[in-house]
N, C-alpha and C. Protein backbone atom coordinates (compact mmCIF):
# COMPACT_ATOMS: atom_id res chain seq x y z
N MET A 1 -76.03 -8.72 16.82
CA MET A 1 -76.98 -7.60 17.54
C MET A 1 -77.35 -6.72 16.96
N THR A 2 -76.33 -5.82 17.18
CA THR A 2 -76.54 -4.35 16.41
C THR A 2 -76.76 -4.29 14.90
N LYS A 3 -77.48 -3.20 14.45
CA LYS A 3 -78.09 -3.37 13.02
C LYS A 3 -77.48 -1.75 12.67
N VAL A 4 -77.42 -1.64 11.27
CA VAL A 4 -77.16 -0.19 10.93
C VAL A 4 -78.44 0.34 10.48
N GLN A 5 -79.01 1.67 11.44
CA GLN A 5 -80.26 2.18 11.51
C GLN A 5 -80.55 3.12 10.72
N VAL A 6 -79.05 3.75 10.54
CA VAL A 6 -79.22 5.06 9.48
C VAL A 6 -77.85 5.06 8.42
N ASN A 7 -77.91 5.66 7.32
CA ASN A 7 -77.00 5.58 6.62
C ASN A 7 -75.94 6.91 6.76
N LYS A 8 -74.91 6.65 6.13
CA LYS A 8 -73.59 7.94 6.16
C LYS A 8 -74.48 9.60 6.02
N GLU A 9 -74.98 9.47 5.11
CA GLU A 9 -75.85 10.87 4.56
C GLU A 9 -76.80 11.35 5.67
N HIS A 10 -77.34 10.41 6.67
CA HIS A 10 -77.84 11.09 7.91
C HIS A 10 -77.00 12.14 8.64
N TYR A 11 -75.86 11.72 8.68
CA TYR A 11 -74.98 12.93 9.49
C TYR A 11 -74.62 13.78 8.43
N ASN A 12 -75.34 14.45 7.21
CA ASN A 12 -75.09 15.65 6.70
C ASN A 12 -75.30 16.81 7.94
N PHE A 13 -74.05 17.59 7.53
CA PHE A 13 -74.25 18.77 8.55
C PHE A 13 -75.44 19.51 8.72
N SER A 14 -76.33 20.01 7.48
CA SER A 14 -77.08 21.02 7.48
C SER A 14 -78.44 20.20 7.82
N LYS A 15 -78.43 19.10 8.19
CA LYS A 15 -79.49 18.36 8.54
C LYS A 15 -79.63 17.66 9.67
N TYR A 16 -78.54 17.36 10.15
CA TYR A 16 -78.12 16.67 11.10
C TYR A 16 -77.76 17.71 12.51
N VAL A 17 -76.79 18.50 12.24
CA VAL A 17 -76.35 19.10 13.63
C VAL A 17 -77.12 20.34 13.70
N SER A 18 -77.95 20.27 14.38
CA SER A 18 -78.71 21.43 15.10
C SER A 18 -78.36 22.50 15.93
N VAL A 19 -78.79 23.49 16.45
CA VAL A 19 -78.10 24.38 17.45
C VAL A 19 -78.16 23.27 18.80
N ASP A 20 -79.01 22.56 19.14
CA ASP A 20 -79.35 21.82 20.16
C ASP A 20 -78.16 20.60 20.18
N ARG A 21 -78.02 19.98 19.02
CA ARG A 21 -77.08 19.17 19.28
C ARG A 21 -75.54 19.64 19.26
N TRP A 22 -75.43 20.74 18.65
CA TRP A 22 -73.91 21.43 18.86
C TRP A 22 -73.75 21.65 20.46
N ASN A 23 -74.76 22.09 20.94
CA ASN A 23 -74.63 22.23 22.40
C ASN A 23 -74.11 21.43 23.22
N SER A 24 -74.69 19.87 22.81
CA SER A 24 -74.42 18.67 23.42
C SER A 24 -72.83 18.35 23.05
N TYR A 25 -72.48 18.64 21.94
CA TYR A 25 -71.32 18.57 21.47
C TYR A 25 -70.31 19.21 22.72
N TYR A 26 -70.34 20.30 22.80
CA TYR A 26 -70.05 21.35 23.98
C TYR A 26 -69.69 20.74 25.13
N TYR A 27 -70.80 20.04 25.62
CA TYR A 27 -70.64 19.30 27.00
C TYR A 27 -69.94 18.06 26.77
N GLN A 28 -69.99 17.43 25.85
CA GLN A 28 -69.02 16.15 25.72
C GLN A 28 -67.74 16.63 25.55
N LEU A 29 -67.09 17.51 24.83
CA LEU A 29 -65.78 17.84 24.84
C LEU A 29 -65.24 18.38 26.21
N THR A 30 -66.43 19.28 26.81
CA THR A 30 -66.10 19.79 27.93
C THR A 30 -65.48 18.60 29.18
N GLU A 31 -66.50 17.85 29.49
CA GLU A 31 -66.54 16.52 30.21
C GLU A 31 -64.93 15.73 29.95
N ALA A 32 -65.10 15.48 28.67
CA ALA A 32 -63.92 14.31 28.31
C ALA A 32 -62.50 15.39 28.62
N MET A 33 -62.31 16.53 28.34
CA MET A 33 -61.03 17.12 28.50
C MET A 33 -60.95 17.48 30.08
N ALA A 34 -61.87 17.73 30.61
CA ALA A 34 -61.94 18.21 32.40
C ALA A 34 -61.26 16.95 32.91
N SER A 35 -61.40 15.82 32.31
CA SER A 35 -60.81 14.30 33.09
C SER A 35 -59.56 14.71 33.25
N GLY A 36 -58.66 15.21 32.41
CA GLY A 36 -57.52 15.29 32.49
C GLY A 36 -56.66 14.02 31.97
N ASN A 37 -57.35 13.55 31.02
CA ASN A 37 -56.93 12.34 30.72
C ASN A 37 -56.63 12.78 28.88
N LYS A 38 -55.69 12.23 28.74
CA LYS A 38 -55.55 12.46 26.98
C LYS A 38 -55.97 11.19 26.28
N ARG A 39 -56.09 9.92 26.80
CA ARG A 39 -56.20 8.52 25.89
C ARG A 39 -57.71 8.32 25.84
N ILE A 40 -58.43 8.96 25.05
CA ILE A 40 -59.92 8.65 25.25
C ILE A 40 -60.41 7.39 24.13
N LEU A 41 -61.38 6.91 24.28
CA LEU A 41 -62.04 6.10 23.33
C LEU A 41 -63.50 6.71 23.25
N LEU A 42 -63.74 7.05 22.05
CA LEU A 42 -64.95 7.46 21.79
C LEU A 42 -65.94 6.25 20.92
N ILE A 43 -67.10 6.20 21.72
CA ILE A 43 -67.85 5.10 21.36
C ILE A 43 -68.85 5.55 20.28
N GLY A 44 -69.21 5.42 19.09
CA GLY A 44 -69.96 6.35 18.17
C GLY A 44 -69.32 7.55 17.54
N VAL A 45 -69.10 7.04 16.38
CA VAL A 45 -68.51 8.14 15.46
C VAL A 45 -69.41 9.40 14.84
N GLY A 46 -70.69 8.96 14.69
CA GLY A 46 -71.55 10.16 14.07
C GLY A 46 -70.91 10.74 12.90
N ASP A 47 -71.16 12.24 13.28
CA ASP A 47 -70.46 12.84 12.11
C ASP A 47 -69.05 13.49 12.06
N GLY A 48 -68.49 12.93 13.26
CA GLY A 48 -66.86 13.13 13.54
C GLY A 48 -66.50 14.44 14.15
N ILE A 49 -67.28 15.14 14.25
CA ILE A 49 -67.26 16.51 14.79
C ILE A 49 -66.35 16.48 16.18
N VAL A 50 -66.95 15.74 17.08
CA VAL A 50 -66.28 15.44 18.75
C VAL A 50 -65.13 14.67 18.29
N SER A 51 -64.56 13.71 17.54
CA SER A 51 -63.52 13.25 17.68
C SER A 51 -62.45 14.31 16.97
N ASP A 52 -62.94 14.87 15.99
CA ASP A 52 -62.01 15.76 15.43
C ASP A 52 -61.29 17.01 16.30
N LEU A 53 -62.28 17.80 16.86
CA LEU A 53 -62.18 18.57 18.07
C LEU A 53 -61.25 18.13 19.27
N LEU A 54 -61.34 16.69 19.62
CA LEU A 54 -60.58 16.23 20.98
C LEU A 54 -59.16 16.13 20.41
N THR A 55 -59.16 15.74 19.29
CA THR A 55 -57.94 15.60 18.65
C THR A 55 -57.21 16.82 18.40
N LYS A 56 -57.60 17.87 18.01
CA LYS A 56 -57.60 19.27 17.75
C LYS A 56 -57.06 19.73 19.26
N PHE A 57 -57.52 19.32 20.12
CA PHE A 57 -57.15 19.97 21.18
C PHE A 57 -56.32 18.93 22.40
N GLY A 58 -55.30 18.19 21.34
CA GLY A 58 -54.47 17.56 22.13
C GLY A 58 -54.53 16.34 22.89
N CYS A 59 -55.93 15.44 22.41
CA CYS A 59 -56.20 14.43 22.78
C CYS A 59 -55.83 13.10 22.17
N ASN A 60 -55.45 12.08 22.68
CA ASN A 60 -55.40 10.75 21.82
C ASN A 60 -56.80 10.01 21.76
N VAL A 61 -57.39 10.29 20.41
CA VAL A 61 -58.86 9.61 20.63
C VAL A 61 -58.82 8.31 19.66
N THR A 62 -59.28 7.32 20.25
CA THR A 62 -59.65 5.98 19.23
C THR A 62 -61.27 6.11 19.08
N THR A 63 -61.77 5.52 17.84
CA THR A 63 -62.91 5.70 17.64
C THR A 63 -63.52 4.42 17.49
N PHE A 64 -64.59 4.16 17.90
CA PHE A 64 -65.27 2.41 17.97
C PHE A 64 -66.29 2.78 17.52
N ASP A 65 -67.02 1.99 16.30
CA ASP A 65 -68.28 1.81 15.91
C ASP A 65 -68.65 0.48 14.99
N PHE A 66 -69.81 0.17 15.00
CA PHE A 66 -69.77 -0.93 14.45
C PHE A 66 -70.15 -0.68 12.83
N ASP A 67 -70.31 0.65 12.44
CA ASP A 67 -70.76 0.73 10.99
C ASP A 67 -69.32 1.45 10.35
N LYS A 68 -68.61 0.10 9.52
CA LYS A 68 -67.53 0.54 9.05
C LYS A 68 -67.35 1.60 7.76
N GLU A 69 -68.54 2.43 7.42
CA GLU A 69 -69.00 3.42 6.33
C GLU A 69 -68.39 4.69 6.99
N LEU A 70 -68.18 4.86 8.49
CA LEU A 70 -67.71 5.82 9.10
C LEU A 70 -66.54 5.80 9.51
N ASN A 71 -65.68 4.73 8.82
CA ASN A 71 -64.16 4.72 9.28
C ASN A 71 -63.81 4.86 10.73
N PRO A 72 -64.44 3.91 11.38
CA PRO A 72 -63.80 4.03 12.91
C PRO A 72 -62.33 3.36 12.95
N ASP A 73 -61.53 3.69 13.88
CA ASP A 73 -60.44 2.89 14.10
C ASP A 73 -60.67 1.52 14.40
N ILE A 74 -61.73 1.19 15.25
CA ILE A 74 -61.88 -0.35 15.56
C ILE A 74 -63.43 -0.18 15.23
N VAL A 75 -63.59 -1.10 14.37
CA VAL A 75 -65.21 -1.77 14.07
C VAL A 75 -65.68 -2.82 14.93
N GLY A 76 -66.63 -2.70 15.63
CA GLY A 76 -67.31 -3.54 16.25
C GLY A 76 -68.64 -3.29 16.78
N SER A 77 -69.42 -4.01 17.66
CA SER A 77 -70.49 -3.83 18.39
C SER A 77 -70.24 -3.41 19.60
N VAL A 78 -70.97 -2.60 20.07
CA VAL A 78 -70.67 -2.19 21.73
C VAL A 78 -71.06 -2.86 22.47
N THR A 79 -72.14 -4.15 22.29
CA THR A 79 -72.31 -5.06 22.83
C THR A 79 -71.43 -6.34 23.14
N ASP A 80 -70.34 -6.10 22.34
CA ASP A 80 -69.17 -7.20 22.71
C ASP A 80 -67.81 -6.45 22.84
N ILE A 81 -68.09 -5.31 23.27
CA ILE A 81 -66.74 -4.64 23.21
C ILE A 81 -65.74 -4.75 24.03
N ASP A 82 -65.92 -5.59 25.04
CA ASP A 82 -64.93 -6.15 25.79
C ASP A 82 -64.23 -7.13 25.20
N LYS A 83 -64.48 -7.89 24.06
CA LYS A 83 -64.15 -8.91 23.41
C LYS A 83 -63.12 -8.42 22.39
N ILE A 84 -63.35 -7.21 21.89
CA ILE A 84 -62.81 -6.55 21.06
C ILE A 84 -61.82 -5.75 21.03
N LEU A 85 -61.70 -4.97 21.81
CA LEU A 85 -60.63 -4.06 22.40
C LEU A 85 -59.72 -4.79 23.28
N LYS A 86 -58.20 -4.04 22.74
CA LYS A 86 -57.14 -4.65 23.14
C LYS A 86 -56.55 -4.41 24.27
N SER A 87 -57.04 -3.39 24.76
CA SER A 87 -56.59 -2.48 25.84
C SER A 87 -57.58 -1.57 26.56
N LYS A 88 -57.27 -1.09 27.83
CA LYS A 88 -58.48 -0.51 28.46
C LYS A 88 -58.10 0.98 28.42
N TYR A 89 -58.78 1.87 28.69
CA TYR A 89 -58.88 3.58 28.33
C TYR A 89 -59.09 4.24 29.98
N ASP A 90 -58.63 5.40 29.90
CA ASP A 90 -58.63 6.16 31.00
C ASP A 90 -60.00 6.82 31.01
N VAL A 91 -60.61 7.27 29.88
CA VAL A 91 -61.92 7.79 29.43
C VAL A 91 -62.42 7.13 28.35
N ILE A 92 -63.74 6.49 28.59
CA ILE A 92 -64.73 6.17 27.46
C ILE A 92 -65.75 7.19 27.31
N LEU A 93 -65.94 7.72 26.24
CA LEU A 93 -67.12 8.68 25.84
C LEU A 93 -68.06 7.92 25.20
N CYS A 94 -69.33 7.97 25.79
CA CYS A 94 -70.45 7.08 24.77
C CYS A 94 -71.73 7.97 24.90
N CYS A 95 -72.14 8.88 23.73
CA CYS A 95 -73.16 9.86 23.86
C CYS A 95 -74.12 9.61 22.78
N GLN A 96 -75.41 9.59 23.19
CA GLN A 96 -76.53 9.13 22.54
C GLN A 96 -76.06 7.76 21.53
N VAL A 97 -75.77 7.00 22.05
CA VAL A 97 -75.48 5.50 21.25
C VAL A 97 -76.53 4.60 21.87
N LEU A 98 -76.16 4.10 23.45
CA LEU A 98 -76.92 2.98 23.82
C LEU A 98 -78.68 2.81 23.53
N GLU A 99 -79.13 4.10 23.49
CA GLU A 99 -80.50 4.12 23.23
C GLU A 99 -80.95 3.17 22.12
N HIS A 100 -79.80 2.92 20.69
CA HIS A 100 -79.93 2.13 19.77
C HIS A 100 -79.87 0.56 19.68
N ILE A 101 -79.61 0.43 21.27
CA ILE A 101 -79.84 -1.40 21.48
C ILE A 101 -80.76 -1.41 22.37
N PRO A 102 -81.26 -3.03 22.09
CA PRO A 102 -82.46 -2.84 23.02
C PRO A 102 -82.26 -2.97 24.35
N PHE A 103 -83.28 -2.49 25.29
CA PHE A 103 -82.84 -2.16 26.91
C PHE A 103 -82.53 -3.48 27.57
N ASP A 104 -83.30 -4.52 27.16
CA ASP A 104 -82.75 -5.98 27.65
C ASP A 104 -81.39 -6.41 27.85
N ILE A 105 -80.38 -5.60 26.83
CA ILE A 105 -79.30 -5.97 27.14
C ILE A 105 -78.30 -4.68 27.37
N PHE A 106 -79.45 -3.61 28.00
CA PHE A 106 -78.47 -2.51 28.31
C PHE A 106 -77.28 -2.83 29.69
N ALA A 107 -77.96 -3.47 30.51
CA ALA A 107 -77.27 -3.28 31.91
C ALA A 107 -75.71 -4.71 31.30
N GLU A 108 -76.16 -5.74 30.59
CA GLU A 108 -74.87 -6.18 30.39
C GLU A 108 -73.75 -5.49 29.61
N THR A 109 -74.26 -4.54 28.73
CA THR A 109 -73.29 -3.48 28.10
C THR A 109 -72.41 -2.79 28.70
N ILE A 110 -73.43 -2.29 29.76
CA ILE A 110 -72.47 -1.00 30.54
C ILE A 110 -71.40 -2.20 31.28
N LYS A 111 -71.90 -3.26 31.93
CA LYS A 111 -70.60 -4.21 32.52
C LYS A 111 -69.59 -4.14 31.83
N ARG A 112 -69.70 -4.63 30.28
CA ARG A 112 -68.82 -4.54 29.37
C ARG A 112 -67.92 -3.57 29.11
N ILE A 113 -68.71 -2.48 28.86
CA ILE A 113 -67.91 -1.16 29.16
C ILE A 113 -67.11 -0.81 30.29
N CYS A 114 -67.52 -1.23 31.26
CA CYS A 114 -66.99 -1.05 32.69
C CYS A 114 -65.87 -1.79 32.52
N ASP A 115 -65.69 -2.88 32.09
CA ASP A 115 -64.63 -3.70 32.02
C ASP A 115 -63.57 -3.19 31.00
N CYS A 116 -63.66 -2.35 30.21
CA CYS A 116 -63.05 -1.53 29.31
C CYS A 116 -62.02 -0.33 29.91
N VAL A 117 -62.66 -0.01 30.87
CA VAL A 117 -61.86 1.47 31.69
C VAL A 117 -61.09 1.07 32.87
N ASN A 118 -59.83 1.62 32.89
CA ASN A 118 -58.79 1.73 33.39
C ASN A 118 -59.47 1.81 35.21
N ASP A 119 -58.92 1.20 36.04
CA ASP A 119 -59.33 1.60 37.41
C ASP A 119 -59.34 2.93 37.89
N GLY A 120 -60.46 3.42 38.35
CA GLY A 120 -60.45 4.83 38.63
C GLY A 120 -60.66 5.75 37.48
N GLY A 121 -60.77 5.25 36.15
CA GLY A 121 -61.15 5.90 35.09
C GLY A 121 -62.55 6.41 34.77
N ARG A 122 -62.69 7.37 33.95
CA ARG A 122 -64.36 7.82 34.13
C ARG A 122 -64.86 7.46 32.48
N PHE A 123 -66.10 7.22 32.56
CA PHE A 123 -67.04 6.80 31.49
C PHE A 123 -68.19 7.89 31.68
N ILE A 124 -67.97 8.57 30.53
CA ILE A 124 -68.87 9.83 30.22
C ILE A 124 -69.82 9.09 29.42
N LEU A 125 -71.28 9.60 29.78
CA LEU A 125 -72.38 8.73 29.03
C LEU A 125 -73.58 9.70 28.85
N SER A 126 -73.98 9.98 27.67
CA SER A 126 -75.65 10.61 27.55
C SER A 126 -76.45 9.67 26.85
N LEU A 127 -77.48 9.89 27.36
CA LEU A 127 -78.84 9.27 26.63
C LEU A 127 -80.16 10.36 26.67
N PRO A 128 -80.82 9.87 25.70
CA PRO A 128 -82.03 11.06 25.53
C PRO A 128 -83.07 10.63 26.75
N ASP A 129 -83.67 11.92 26.95
CA ASP A 129 -84.50 11.86 28.19
C ASP A 129 -85.89 12.13 27.68
N HIS A 130 -86.96 11.34 28.08
CA HIS A 130 -88.31 11.21 27.68
C HIS A 130 -89.23 12.07 28.14
N TYR A 131 -88.85 13.04 29.28
CA TYR A 131 -89.52 13.58 29.65
C TYR A 131 -90.06 14.87 29.03
N LEU A 132 -91.05 15.18 29.17
CA LEU A 132 -91.57 16.96 28.83
C LEU A 132 -90.76 17.64 29.57
N ARG A 133 -90.27 18.81 28.81
CA ARG A 133 -89.33 19.79 29.56
C ARG A 133 -89.61 21.22 28.91
N TRP A 134 -89.49 22.10 29.89
CA TRP A 134 -89.54 23.64 29.47
C TRP A 134 -88.09 24.23 30.65
N ASN A 135 -87.70 25.42 29.62
CA ASN A 135 -86.52 25.67 29.99
C ASN A 135 -86.92 27.37 30.11
N LEU A 136 -86.96 28.14 31.10
CA LEU A 136 -87.11 29.53 31.73
C LEU A 136 -85.94 30.28 31.93
N ARG A 137 -85.68 31.00 31.05
CA ARG A 137 -84.45 31.91 31.32
C ARG A 137 -84.83 33.22 31.61
N ILE A 138 -84.54 33.56 32.90
CA ILE A 138 -84.80 35.22 32.87
C ILE A 138 -83.53 36.14 32.61
N ASN A 139 -83.46 37.53 31.85
CA ASN A 139 -82.25 38.16 31.71
C ASN A 139 -82.38 39.54 32.55
N ILE A 140 -82.18 39.87 33.31
CA ILE A 140 -82.95 41.18 33.60
C ILE A 140 -81.44 41.92 33.90
N PRO A 141 -81.05 43.12 33.27
CA PRO A 141 -79.91 43.99 33.26
C PRO A 141 -79.34 44.13 35.24
N LYS A 142 -78.00 44.04 35.40
CA LYS A 142 -77.53 44.13 36.41
C LYS A 142 -78.07 43.13 37.64
N ILE A 143 -78.60 42.03 37.22
CA ILE A 143 -79.35 40.98 38.26
C ILE A 143 -78.75 39.55 37.27
N PRO A 144 -78.20 38.63 38.14
CA PRO A 144 -77.57 37.39 37.64
C PRO A 144 -78.74 36.43 36.90
N GLU A 145 -78.30 36.05 35.88
CA GLU A 145 -79.48 35.25 34.99
C GLU A 145 -80.04 34.26 35.70
N ALA A 146 -81.25 34.25 35.47
CA ALA A 146 -81.85 32.87 36.34
C ALA A 146 -81.98 32.15 35.12
N ASN A 147 -81.97 30.51 35.37
CA ASN A 147 -82.28 29.52 34.62
C ASN A 147 -83.25 28.49 35.08
N ILE A 148 -84.35 28.43 34.96
CA ILE A 148 -85.06 27.36 35.41
C ILE A 148 -85.72 26.12 34.45
N GLN A 149 -85.13 24.72 35.09
CA GLN A 149 -85.65 23.61 34.52
C GLN A 149 -87.02 23.08 34.82
N MET A 150 -87.58 22.88 33.92
CA MET A 150 -88.82 22.09 34.48
C MET A 150 -89.13 20.82 33.62
N LEU A 151 -89.33 19.71 34.30
CA LEU A 151 -89.83 18.36 33.85
C LEU A 151 -90.81 17.78 34.27
N SER A 152 -91.72 17.11 33.50
CA SER A 152 -92.81 16.15 33.96
C SER A 152 -92.91 14.90 33.08
N PRO A 153 -93.50 13.72 33.40
CA PRO A 153 -93.56 12.65 32.87
C PRO A 153 -94.54 12.91 31.71
N ARG A 154 -94.51 12.16 30.59
CA ARG A 154 -95.51 12.06 29.36
C ARG A 154 -96.87 11.08 29.89
N LEU A 155 -97.65 11.64 29.42
CA LEU A 155 -99.18 11.03 30.22
C LEU A 155 -99.39 9.69 29.35
N PHE A 156 -98.39 9.85 27.95
CA PHE A 156 -98.50 8.46 27.29
C PHE A 156 -97.31 8.44 26.36
N GLN A 157 -97.02 7.31 25.89
CA GLN A 157 -96.02 7.13 25.08
C GLN A 157 -96.42 7.34 23.70
N CYS A 158 -95.99 7.98 22.82
CA CYS A 158 -96.36 8.16 21.39
C CYS A 158 -95.61 7.28 20.74
N SER A 159 -96.32 6.44 19.88
CA SER A 159 -95.44 5.28 19.04
C SER A 159 -94.53 5.84 18.16
N TRP A 160 -94.70 7.67 17.71
CA TRP A 160 -93.58 7.99 16.80
C TRP A 160 -92.10 8.26 17.75
N ASP A 161 -92.31 8.29 18.79
CA ASP A 161 -91.00 8.62 19.93
C ASP A 161 -90.26 7.49 19.61
N ILE A 162 -90.89 6.44 20.15
CA ILE A 162 -89.83 5.00 20.07
C ILE A 162 -90.51 3.95 19.58
N ASP A 163 -89.72 3.18 18.66
CA ASP A 163 -90.46 2.16 17.97
C ASP A 163 -89.21 1.07 18.63
N ARG A 164 -90.19 -0.45 19.36
CA ARG A 164 -89.40 -1.11 19.97
C ARG A 164 -88.18 -1.99 19.09
N ASP A 165 -88.80 -2.10 17.73
CA ASP A 165 -87.72 -2.95 17.16
C ASP A 165 -86.88 -2.23 16.50
N GLY A 166 -86.24 -0.77 17.24
CA GLY A 166 -85.36 -0.03 16.62
C GLY A 166 -85.76 0.76 15.12
N ASN A 167 -86.67 0.73 14.33
CA ASN A 167 -86.74 1.10 13.36
C ASN A 167 -86.79 2.57 13.27
N GLY A 168 -87.30 3.01 14.48
CA GLY A 168 -87.46 4.58 14.91
C GLY A 168 -86.04 4.85 15.48
N GLU A 169 -85.02 4.03 15.24
CA GLU A 169 -83.89 4.59 15.64
C GLU A 169 -83.48 4.04 17.29
N HIS A 170 -84.39 4.48 18.11
CA HIS A 170 -84.37 4.55 19.24
C HIS A 170 -85.17 3.18 19.79
N TYR A 171 -84.65 2.17 20.67
CA TYR A 171 -85.51 1.24 21.15
C TYR A 171 -86.08 1.63 22.60
N TRP A 172 -85.27 2.66 23.24
CA TRP A 172 -85.64 3.24 24.59
C TRP A 172 -85.33 4.57 24.79
N GLU A 173 -85.83 5.13 25.81
CA GLU A 173 -85.27 6.44 26.23
C GLU A 173 -85.48 6.65 27.86
N ILE A 174 -84.85 7.16 28.54
CA ILE A 174 -84.96 7.58 30.45
C ILE A 174 -86.29 8.20 30.26
N GLY A 175 -87.29 7.29 31.13
CA GLY A 175 -88.56 7.74 31.38
C GLY A 175 -89.70 7.24 30.62
N ALA A 176 -89.10 6.73 29.90
CA ALA A 176 -90.15 5.89 28.57
C ALA A 176 -90.67 4.50 29.69
N LYS A 177 -91.70 4.11 29.32
CA LYS A 177 -92.39 2.89 30.09
C LYS A 177 -91.09 1.71 29.61
N GLY A 178 -90.80 1.09 31.26
CA GLY A 178 -90.05 0.06 31.35
C GLY A 178 -88.18 0.86 31.39
N SER A 179 -88.12 1.92 31.02
CA SER A 179 -86.66 2.54 31.29
C SER A 179 -86.85 3.75 32.11
N SER A 180 -87.30 3.57 33.38
CA SER A 180 -87.07 4.54 34.13
C SER A 180 -85.87 5.06 34.68
N LYS A 181 -85.69 6.35 34.96
CA LYS A 181 -84.31 7.23 35.36
C LYS A 181 -83.84 6.14 36.56
N LYS A 182 -84.56 5.97 37.48
CA LYS A 182 -84.17 5.03 38.49
C LYS A 182 -83.39 3.47 38.42
N LEU A 183 -84.26 3.08 37.43
CA LEU A 183 -83.87 1.84 36.81
C LEU A 183 -82.51 1.60 36.07
N VAL A 184 -82.20 2.78 35.38
CA VAL A 184 -81.00 3.16 34.52
C VAL A 184 -79.79 3.56 35.77
N LYS A 185 -80.14 4.34 36.59
CA LYS A 185 -79.21 4.81 37.60
C LYS A 185 -78.78 3.72 38.22
N ASN A 186 -79.56 2.76 38.88
CA ASN A 186 -79.43 1.59 39.51
C ASN A 186 -78.35 0.53 38.59
N ILE A 187 -78.55 0.55 37.50
CA ILE A 187 -77.61 -0.39 36.71
C ILE A 187 -76.35 0.54 36.76
N LEU A 188 -76.11 1.72 36.22
CA LEU A 188 -74.55 2.49 36.44
C LEU A 188 -74.23 2.53 37.64
N LYS A 189 -74.89 2.18 38.80
CA LYS A 189 -74.10 2.26 40.15
C LYS A 189 -73.53 1.10 40.67
N LYS A 190 -73.87 -0.18 40.03
CA LYS A 190 -73.51 -1.44 40.01
C LYS A 190 -71.90 -1.19 39.77
N TYR A 191 -71.57 -0.47 38.76
CA TYR A 191 -70.07 -0.66 38.50
C TYR A 191 -69.41 0.97 38.30
N PHE A 192 -70.06 1.80 38.48
CA PHE A 192 -69.53 3.02 38.95
C PHE A 192 -70.13 4.12 39.62
N LYS A 193 -69.41 4.99 40.21
CA LYS A 193 -69.76 6.06 41.25
C LYS A 193 -70.19 7.20 40.36
N ILE A 194 -71.62 7.72 40.51
CA ILE A 194 -72.36 8.66 39.68
C ILE A 194 -71.36 9.99 40.36
N GLU A 195 -70.72 10.66 39.67
CA GLU A 195 -69.82 11.93 39.99
C GLU A 195 -70.77 13.34 39.55
N LYS A 196 -71.34 13.18 38.57
CA LYS A 196 -72.30 14.18 37.94
C LYS A 196 -73.63 13.76 37.19
N GLU A 197 -74.51 14.56 37.30
CA GLU A 197 -75.67 14.00 36.63
C GLU A 197 -76.52 15.43 35.91
N TYR A 198 -76.60 15.48 34.88
CA TYR A 198 -77.15 16.97 34.72
C TYR A 198 -78.01 17.10 33.07
N LEU A 199 -78.82 17.88 33.26
CA LEU A 199 -79.52 18.52 31.79
C LEU A 199 -78.82 19.65 31.08
N PRO A 200 -78.00 19.35 30.14
CA PRO A 200 -77.11 20.55 29.96
C PRO A 200 -77.96 21.46 29.60
N ASP A 201 -77.79 23.09 30.02
CA ASP A 201 -78.41 24.24 29.41
C ASP A 201 -78.23 24.49 28.14
N GLY A 202 -79.41 24.52 27.17
CA GLY A 202 -79.42 24.69 25.97
C GLY A 202 -79.94 23.22 25.15
N ASN A 203 -79.90 21.84 25.89
CA ASN A 203 -80.09 20.92 25.07
C ASN A 203 -80.71 19.81 26.49
N MET A 204 -81.99 20.06 27.04
CA MET A 204 -82.59 19.61 27.95
C MET A 204 -82.95 17.86 27.45
N TYR A 205 -83.17 17.46 26.39
CA TYR A 205 -83.37 16.23 25.93
C TYR A 205 -82.07 15.36 26.10
N HIS A 206 -81.12 15.73 26.25
CA HIS A 206 -79.69 14.71 26.34
C HIS A 206 -79.45 14.85 27.93
N ILE A 207 -79.43 13.82 28.48
CA ILE A 207 -79.11 13.91 30.02
C ILE A 207 -77.70 13.25 30.20
N PHE A 208 -76.68 13.73 30.95
CA PHE A 208 -75.30 13.43 31.06
C PHE A 208 -75.16 12.99 32.39
N PHE A 209 -74.10 11.69 32.62
CA PHE A 209 -73.77 11.11 33.56
C PHE A 209 -72.33 11.00 33.30
N VAL A 210 -71.54 11.48 34.35
CA VAL A 210 -70.12 11.45 34.27
C VAL A 210 -69.69 10.28 35.45
N LEU A 211 -69.23 9.22 35.20
CA LEU A 211 -69.18 8.43 35.96
C LEU A 211 -67.70 7.50 36.03
N ARG A 212 -67.29 7.47 37.56
CA ARG A 212 -66.04 6.84 37.78
C ARG A 212 -65.94 5.59 38.01
N LYS A 213 -64.86 4.79 37.74
CA LYS A 213 -65.18 3.03 37.81
C LYS A 213 -64.68 3.12 39.23
N LYS A 214 -65.56 2.07 39.75
CA LYS A 214 -65.22 1.77 41.37
C LYS A 214 -64.10 0.82 41.37
């Protein structure tokens, strides 16, 4: 089902790691380590920075990816993850991955991931947010900084934003036609309690969900 959409060179540091993406890494690390659990499954190797830093800070990280060129610990498709893993995990971290599979198998994939989380364990998920967004930061000496986030739906969906066949990498994004935030959250709520949901300061394109298995 899953196909390689980019080659290994796509993750070249100077081209791939923007300030916004580095900001997203900070929140991935923070949420994973805040769980207090040391045994973590990371779905999606990417450039390897998140797994390297989690390991540096004392976590026992297992990496999972369908692209063997990225040298994951376990090779396989997330759409079959429950059939591949031999054990369950306290924390599963999956950021900017599931938009790379068709939305019509998103719900089933969430169920399969849930089956791989220990009872009471956490699933940390981030997805791209399709909304138009503005971030207004006001910094006045001796006054607490104000940070105002504003979102609005797009009036139309641009063909260069999402290609439904995956050739543009993303099959879907939250807020795009057919994949509303309400629909995505209803799917997540079938299997998890949503403990946190937020757009991180500095990268409002990535929406984070911190989920606990019911």
